[in-house]
Amino acid sequence: MRRVLTLSFALAVLALVAIPASAQDITGTWVLSVDLGPAGGGDATFVFEQEGTTLTGTYSGTLGDDIELNGTVEDGELRFTFDSQAGEIIFYGTVDGNTMEGDCIYGQLGDGVFDGSKSG
């Protein structure tokens, strides 16, 4: 009996250690500053919902309000997209705690960079 308990305890500890970094949940409201160089830029608000590695949510900013987005987040790396009148918008970068940064493609408006943090 003692062996079974010891083995069960050891397996439980290993399971906790094996939780991947992607266990970070970015669910919530984020404000990201976008810089598109000569095409301009500004702040955008994203409301993310994360289930496992799947990311859904909305974008609100210069291109419209409450535009649905989809993406993934895993091991500190994220990618999400949405459609707008400027074409397909793509964000890809890294998330670390309550901050994220990376690159973006704003359809016809061109390429840029972003950074920001979680609100609240």
N, C-alpha and C. Protein backbone atom coordinates (compact mmCIF):
# COMPACT_ATOMS: atom_id res chain seq x y z
N MET A 1 0.82 -1.18 0.00
CA MET A 1 0.00 0.00 0.00
C MET A 1 0.87 1.26 0.00
N ARG A 2 1.94 1.22 0.82
CA ARG A 2 2.84 2.36 0.90
C ARG A 2 3.48 2.62 -0.46
N ARG A 3 3.85 1.57 -1.18
CA ARG A 3 4.46 1.71 -2.50
C ARG A 3 3.50 2.37 -3.48
N VAL A 4 2.25 1.99 -3.43
CA VAL A 4 1.24 2.56 -4.32
C VAL A 4 1.07 4.05 -4.04
N LEU A 5 1.02 4.43 -2.76
CA LEU A 5 0.89 5.84 -2.40
C LEU A 5 2.11 6.64 -2.84
N THR A 6 3.30 6.08 -2.63
CA THR A 6 4.53 6.76 -3.03
C THR A 6 4.57 6.95 -4.54
N LEU A 7 4.21 5.91 -5.28
CA LEU A 7 4.18 5.99 -6.74
C LEU A 7 3.13 6.98 -7.21
N SER A 8 1.97 6.98 -6.59
CA SER A 8 0.91 7.93 -6.94
C SER A 8 1.37 9.36 -6.70
N PHE A 9 2.02 9.61 -5.59
CA PHE A 9 2.53 10.94 -5.27
C PHE A 9 3.58 11.38 -6.30
N ALA A 10 4.48 10.49 -6.63
CA ALA A 10 5.54 10.80 -7.61
C ALA A 10 4.93 11.13 -8.98
N LEU A 11 3.94 10.37 -9.39
CA LEU A 11 3.29 10.64 -10.68
C LEU A 11 2.55 11.97 -10.66
N ALA A 12 1.93 12.30 -9.54
CA ALA A 12 1.22 13.58 -9.43
C ALA A 12 2.21 14.75 -9.54
N VAL A 13 3.36 14.64 -8.88
CA VAL A 13 4.38 15.69 -8.97
C VAL A 13 4.89 15.82 -10.39
N LEU A 14 5.15 14.71 -11.06
CA LEU A 14 5.61 14.76 -12.46
C LEU A 14 4.57 15.39 -13.36
N ALA A 15 3.32 15.11 -13.13
CA ALA A 15 2.25 15.70 -13.95
C ALA A 15 2.23 17.21 -13.79
N LEU A 16 2.43 17.71 -12.59
CA LEU A 16 2.45 19.16 -12.36
C LEU A 16 3.66 19.81 -13.03
N VAL A 17 4.81 19.15 -12.97
CA VAL A 17 6.02 19.68 -13.58
C VAL A 17 5.88 19.70 -15.11
N ALA A 18 5.13 18.77 -15.65
CA ALA A 18 5.01 18.63 -17.10
C ALA A 18 4.00 19.59 -17.72
N ILE A 19 3.34 20.44 -16.92
CA ILE A 19 2.40 21.40 -17.48
C ILE A 19 3.16 22.36 -18.37
N PRO A 20 2.80 22.48 -19.64
CA PRO A 20 3.55 23.31 -20.56
C PRO A 20 3.34 24.80 -20.29
N ALA A 21 4.26 25.62 -20.84
CA ALA A 21 4.16 27.07 -20.69
C ALA A 21 2.89 27.60 -21.34
N SER A 22 2.34 26.84 -22.30
CA SER A 22 1.13 27.29 -22.98
C SER A 22 -0.08 27.28 -22.06
N ALA A 23 0.11 26.81 -20.83
CA ALA A 23 -0.99 26.82 -19.87
C ALA A 23 -1.37 28.24 -19.49
N GLN A 24 -0.55 29.23 -19.85
CA GLN A 24 -0.88 30.62 -19.57
C GLN A 24 -2.14 30.98 -20.33
N ASP A 25 -3.10 31.54 -19.63
CA ASP A 25 -4.37 31.92 -20.23
C ASP A 25 -4.38 33.43 -20.47
N ILE A 26 -4.54 33.86 -21.73
CA ILE A 26 -4.54 35.29 -22.02
C ILE A 26 -5.96 35.87 -22.11
N THR A 27 -6.94 35.09 -21.67
CA THR A 27 -8.33 35.57 -21.67
C THR A 27 -8.41 36.93 -20.99
N GLY A 28 -9.13 37.86 -21.64
CA GLY A 28 -9.32 39.18 -21.06
C GLY A 28 -9.17 40.27 -22.10
N THR A 29 -9.12 41.50 -21.62
CA THR A 29 -9.02 42.67 -22.49
C THR A 29 -7.58 43.15 -22.56
N TRP A 30 -7.10 43.37 -23.76
CA TRP A 30 -5.74 43.83 -24.02
C TRP A 30 -5.79 45.09 -24.87
N VAL A 31 -4.91 46.03 -24.60
CA VAL A 31 -4.76 47.22 -25.44
C VAL A 31 -3.38 47.13 -26.10
N LEU A 32 -3.39 47.08 -27.42
CA LEU A 32 -2.16 46.95 -28.19
C LEU A 32 -1.93 48.20 -29.03
N SER A 33 -0.72 48.72 -29.00
CA SER A 33 -0.33 49.85 -29.84
C SER A 33 0.26 49.29 -31.13
N VAL A 34 -0.27 49.75 -32.25
CA VAL A 34 0.15 49.27 -33.56
C VAL A 34 0.88 50.40 -34.27
N ASP A 35 2.05 50.10 -34.86
CA ASP A 35 2.82 51.08 -35.62
C ASP A 35 3.01 50.53 -37.03
N LEU A 36 2.38 51.19 -38.01
CA LEU A 36 2.47 50.78 -39.41
C LEU A 36 3.40 51.69 -40.21
N GLY A 37 4.28 52.39 -39.52
CA GLY A 37 5.21 53.29 -40.20
C GLY A 37 4.45 54.41 -40.91
N PRO A 38 4.74 54.65 -42.21
CA PRO A 38 4.10 55.74 -42.94
C PRO A 38 2.57 55.62 -43.03
N ALA A 39 2.05 54.41 -42.88
CA ALA A 39 0.59 54.21 -42.96
C ALA A 39 -0.12 54.61 -41.67
N GLY A 40 0.65 54.95 -40.63
CA GLY A 40 0.05 55.38 -39.37
C GLY A 40 0.05 54.30 -38.32
N GLY A 41 -0.91 54.40 -37.43
CA GLY A 41 -1.00 53.44 -36.34
C GLY A 41 -1.96 53.95 -35.29
N GLY A 42 -1.94 53.31 -34.16
CA GLY A 42 -2.82 53.70 -33.07
C GLY A 42 -3.04 52.54 -32.13
N ASP A 43 -3.91 52.76 -31.17
CA ASP A 43 -4.24 51.72 -30.20
C ASP A 43 -5.47 50.95 -30.63
N ALA A 44 -5.46 49.66 -30.36
CA ALA A 44 -6.60 48.79 -30.63
C ALA A 44 -6.90 47.99 -29.37
N THR A 45 -8.17 47.71 -29.16
CA THR A 45 -8.59 46.91 -28.00
C THR A 45 -9.00 45.52 -28.48
N PHE A 46 -8.44 44.52 -27.84
CA PHE A 46 -8.75 43.13 -28.15
C PHE A 46 -9.34 42.48 -26.91
N VAL A 47 -10.41 41.75 -27.09
CA VAL A 47 -10.99 40.96 -26.02
C VAL A 47 -10.82 39.50 -26.43
N PHE A 48 -9.94 38.79 -25.71
CA PHE A 48 -9.60 37.41 -26.04
C PHE A 48 -10.32 36.44 -25.12
N GLU A 49 -10.65 35.29 -25.70
CA GLU A 49 -11.17 34.14 -24.96
C GLU A 49 -10.31 32.97 -25.39
N GLN A 50 -9.68 32.30 -24.42
CA GLN A 50 -8.79 31.19 -24.73
C GLN A 50 -9.33 29.90 -24.14
N GLU A 51 -9.34 28.88 -24.97
CA GLU A 51 -9.70 27.53 -24.53
C GLU A 51 -8.63 26.59 -25.06
N GLY A 52 -7.78 26.11 -24.16
CA GLY A 52 -6.63 25.33 -24.60
C GLY A 52 -5.69 26.23 -25.38
N THR A 53 -5.37 25.84 -26.61
CA THR A 53 -4.52 26.67 -27.46
C THR A 53 -5.34 27.50 -28.44
N THR A 54 -6.66 27.35 -28.42
CA THR A 54 -7.53 28.06 -29.35
C THR A 54 -7.88 29.44 -28.81
N LEU A 55 -7.75 30.43 -29.67
CA LEU A 55 -8.01 31.82 -29.31
C LEU A 55 -9.15 32.36 -30.16
N THR A 56 -10.14 32.97 -29.52
CA THR A 56 -11.23 33.67 -30.20
C THR A 56 -11.39 35.01 -29.52
N GLY A 57 -12.16 35.90 -30.13
CA GLY A 57 -12.39 37.18 -29.49
C GLY A 57 -12.81 38.24 -30.47
N THR A 58 -12.57 39.50 -30.09
CA THR A 58 -12.95 40.63 -30.93
C THR A 58 -11.85 41.68 -30.96
N TYR A 59 -11.86 42.43 -32.06
CA TYR A 59 -11.00 43.60 -32.26
C TYR A 59 -11.89 44.83 -32.31
N SER A 60 -11.44 45.91 -31.68
CA SER A 60 -12.09 47.21 -31.82
C SER A 60 -10.99 48.26 -31.98
N GLY A 61 -11.11 49.02 -33.07
CA GLY A 61 -10.10 50.04 -33.35
C GLY A 61 -10.46 50.79 -34.61
N THR A 62 -9.45 51.32 -35.28
CA THR A 62 -9.62 52.13 -36.47
C THR A 62 -10.40 51.42 -37.57
N LEU A 63 -10.26 50.11 -37.66
CA LEU A 63 -10.89 49.35 -38.74
C LEU A 63 -12.31 48.91 -38.43
N GLY A 64 -12.81 49.18 -37.23
CA GLY A 64 -14.17 48.79 -36.87
C GLY A 64 -14.26 48.34 -35.43
N ASP A 65 -15.48 48.04 -35.02
CA ASP A 65 -15.72 47.61 -33.64
C ASP A 65 -16.25 46.19 -33.60
N ASP A 66 -15.81 45.46 -32.60
CA ASP A 66 -16.28 44.10 -32.34
C ASP A 66 -16.16 43.17 -33.54
N ILE A 67 -15.03 43.25 -34.24
CA ILE A 67 -14.75 42.36 -35.37
C ILE A 67 -14.22 41.05 -34.81
N GLU A 68 -14.83 39.94 -35.21
CA GLU A 68 -14.44 38.63 -34.68
C GLU A 68 -13.05 38.23 -35.17
N LEU A 69 -12.28 37.61 -34.26
CA LEU A 69 -10.94 37.13 -34.60
C LEU A 69 -10.79 35.69 -34.15
N ASN A 70 -9.83 35.00 -34.75
CA ASN A 70 -9.50 33.62 -34.41
C ASN A 70 -8.00 33.45 -34.43
N GLY A 71 -7.51 32.53 -33.60
CA GLY A 71 -6.08 32.27 -33.61
C GLY A 71 -5.68 31.16 -32.67
N THR A 72 -4.38 31.15 -32.37
CA THR A 72 -3.82 30.16 -31.46
C THR A 72 -2.79 30.82 -30.55
N VAL A 73 -2.59 30.21 -29.41
CA VAL A 73 -1.53 30.62 -28.49
C VAL A 73 -0.96 29.34 -27.88
N GLU A 74 0.37 29.22 -27.98
CA GLU A 74 1.01 28.01 -27.46
C GLU A 74 2.47 28.31 -27.16
N ASP A 75 2.92 27.87 -26.00
CA ASP A 75 4.31 28.04 -25.57
C ASP A 75 4.78 29.49 -25.69
N GLY A 76 3.92 30.43 -25.33
CA GLY A 76 4.29 31.83 -25.33
C GLY A 76 4.24 32.51 -26.69
N GLU A 77 3.86 31.77 -27.73
CA GLU A 77 3.75 32.35 -29.06
C GLU A 77 2.29 32.40 -29.47
N LEU A 78 1.90 33.49 -30.14
CA LEU A 78 0.51 33.62 -30.54
C LEU A 78 0.42 34.09 -31.98
N ARG A 79 -0.72 33.77 -32.57
CA ARG A 79 -1.05 34.20 -33.93
C ARG A 79 -2.56 34.32 -33.99
N PHE A 80 -3.05 35.47 -34.47
CA PHE A 80 -4.49 35.61 -34.64
C PHE A 80 -4.76 36.49 -35.85
N THR A 81 -5.95 36.31 -36.43
CA THR A 81 -6.31 37.00 -37.66
C THR A 81 -7.77 37.46 -37.60
N PHE A 82 -8.06 38.49 -38.40
CA PHE A 82 -9.44 38.90 -38.62
C PHE A 82 -9.52 39.59 -39.98
N ASP A 83 -10.71 39.68 -40.51
CA ASP A 83 -10.94 40.31 -41.81
C ASP A 83 -11.49 41.71 -41.60
N SER A 84 -11.07 42.64 -42.48
CA SER A 84 -11.54 44.02 -42.41
C SER A 84 -11.62 44.58 -43.83
N GLN A 85 -12.06 45.83 -43.93
CA GLN A 85 -12.13 46.47 -45.24
C GLN A 85 -10.74 46.66 -45.85
N ALA A 86 -9.68 46.59 -45.04
CA ALA A 86 -8.31 46.69 -45.53
C ALA A 86 -7.76 45.34 -45.96
N GLY A 87 -8.53 44.27 -45.78
CA GLY A 87 -8.08 42.91 -46.11
C GLY A 87 -7.86 42.10 -44.85
N GLU A 88 -7.17 40.98 -44.99
CA GLU A 88 -6.89 40.12 -43.84
C GLU A 88 -5.83 40.77 -42.95
N ILE A 89 -6.08 40.81 -41.66
CA ILE A 89 -5.16 41.37 -40.68
C ILE A 89 -4.57 40.20 -39.89
N ILE A 90 -3.25 40.17 -39.78
CA ILE A 90 -2.55 39.06 -39.11
C ILE A 90 -1.63 39.62 -38.04
N PHE A 91 -1.75 39.10 -36.82
CA PHE A 91 -0.84 39.43 -35.73
C PHE A 91 -0.10 38.15 -35.35
N TYR A 92 1.21 38.25 -35.15
CA TYR A 92 1.97 37.11 -34.65
C TYR A 92 3.11 37.64 -33.78
N GLY A 93 3.30 36.98 -32.64
CA GLY A 93 4.30 37.45 -31.71
C GLY A 93 4.39 36.59 -30.48
N THR A 94 4.79 37.22 -29.38
CA THR A 94 4.99 36.50 -28.13
C THR A 94 4.20 37.16 -27.01
N VAL A 95 3.85 36.35 -26.04
CA VAL A 95 3.17 36.85 -24.86
C VAL A 95 3.97 36.39 -23.64
N ASP A 96 4.17 37.30 -22.70
CA ASP A 96 4.91 37.01 -21.49
C ASP A 96 4.18 37.67 -20.33
N GLY A 97 3.45 36.88 -19.57
CA GLY A 97 2.67 37.44 -18.47
C GLY A 97 1.57 38.34 -18.99
N ASN A 98 1.61 39.62 -18.61
CA ASN A 98 0.58 40.56 -19.04
C ASN A 98 1.03 41.49 -20.16
N THR A 99 2.08 41.09 -20.90
CA THR A 99 2.54 41.88 -22.04
C THR A 99 2.67 41.00 -23.28
N MET A 100 2.50 41.63 -24.44
CA MET A 100 2.74 40.93 -25.69
C MET A 100 3.34 41.89 -26.70
N GLU A 101 4.06 41.33 -27.67
CA GLU A 101 4.67 42.13 -28.71
C GLU A 101 4.90 41.25 -29.94
N GLY A 102 5.04 41.91 -31.08
CA GLY A 102 5.30 41.15 -32.28
C GLY A 102 5.13 41.97 -33.54
N ASP A 103 4.83 41.27 -34.61
CA ASP A 103 4.66 41.85 -35.93
C ASP A 103 3.22 41.70 -36.38
N CYS A 104 2.82 42.56 -37.31
CA CYS A 104 1.47 42.47 -37.84
C CYS A 104 1.47 42.83 -39.32
N ILE A 105 0.49 42.28 -40.01
CA ILE A 105 0.26 42.58 -41.42
C ILE A 105 -1.15 43.13 -41.51
N TYR A 106 -1.29 44.38 -41.92
CA TYR A 106 -2.57 45.05 -41.96
C TYR A 106 -3.10 45.14 -43.38
N GLY A 107 -3.21 43.99 -44.04
CA GLY A 107 -3.78 43.95 -45.38
C GLY A 107 -3.14 44.97 -46.30
N GLN A 108 -3.96 45.78 -46.97
CA GLN A 108 -3.50 46.79 -47.91
C GLN A 108 -2.71 47.91 -47.26
N LEU A 109 -2.82 48.05 -45.95
CA LEU A 109 -2.12 49.13 -45.25
C LEU A 109 -0.65 48.83 -45.01
N GLY A 110 -0.25 47.57 -45.10
CA GLY A 110 1.15 47.20 -44.96
C GLY A 110 1.49 46.51 -43.66
N ASP A 111 2.80 46.35 -43.47
CA ASP A 111 3.32 45.63 -42.32
C ASP A 111 3.68 46.58 -41.19
N GLY A 112 3.70 46.02 -39.98
CA GLY A 112 4.06 46.85 -38.83
C GLY A 112 4.45 46.02 -37.63
N VAL A 113 4.47 46.67 -36.51
CA VAL A 113 4.80 46.03 -35.23
C VAL A 113 3.75 46.43 -34.21
N PHE A 114 3.67 45.63 -33.15
CA PHE A 114 2.72 45.95 -32.07
C PHE A 114 3.34 45.58 -30.73
N ASP A 115 2.84 46.24 -29.70
CA ASP A 115 3.13 45.85 -28.32
C ASP A 115 2.01 46.37 -27.45
N GLY A 116 1.87 45.76 -26.30
CA GLY A 116 0.79 46.19 -25.41
C GLY A 116 0.69 45.33 -24.18
N SER A 117 -0.38 45.58 -23.44
CA SER A 117 -0.54 44.87 -22.17
C SER A 117 -2.01 44.59 -21.89
N LYS A 118 -2.20 43.70 -20.94
CA LYS A 118 -3.53 43.32 -20.50
C LYS A 118 -4.09 44.41 -19.60
N SER A 119 -5.35 44.75 -19.81
CA SER A 119 -6.00 45.77 -18.99
C SER A 119 -6.57 45.13 -17.73
N GLY A 120 -6.54 45.89 -16.66
CA GLY A 120 -7.17 45.43 -15.42
C GLY A 120 -6.35 44.54 -14.67
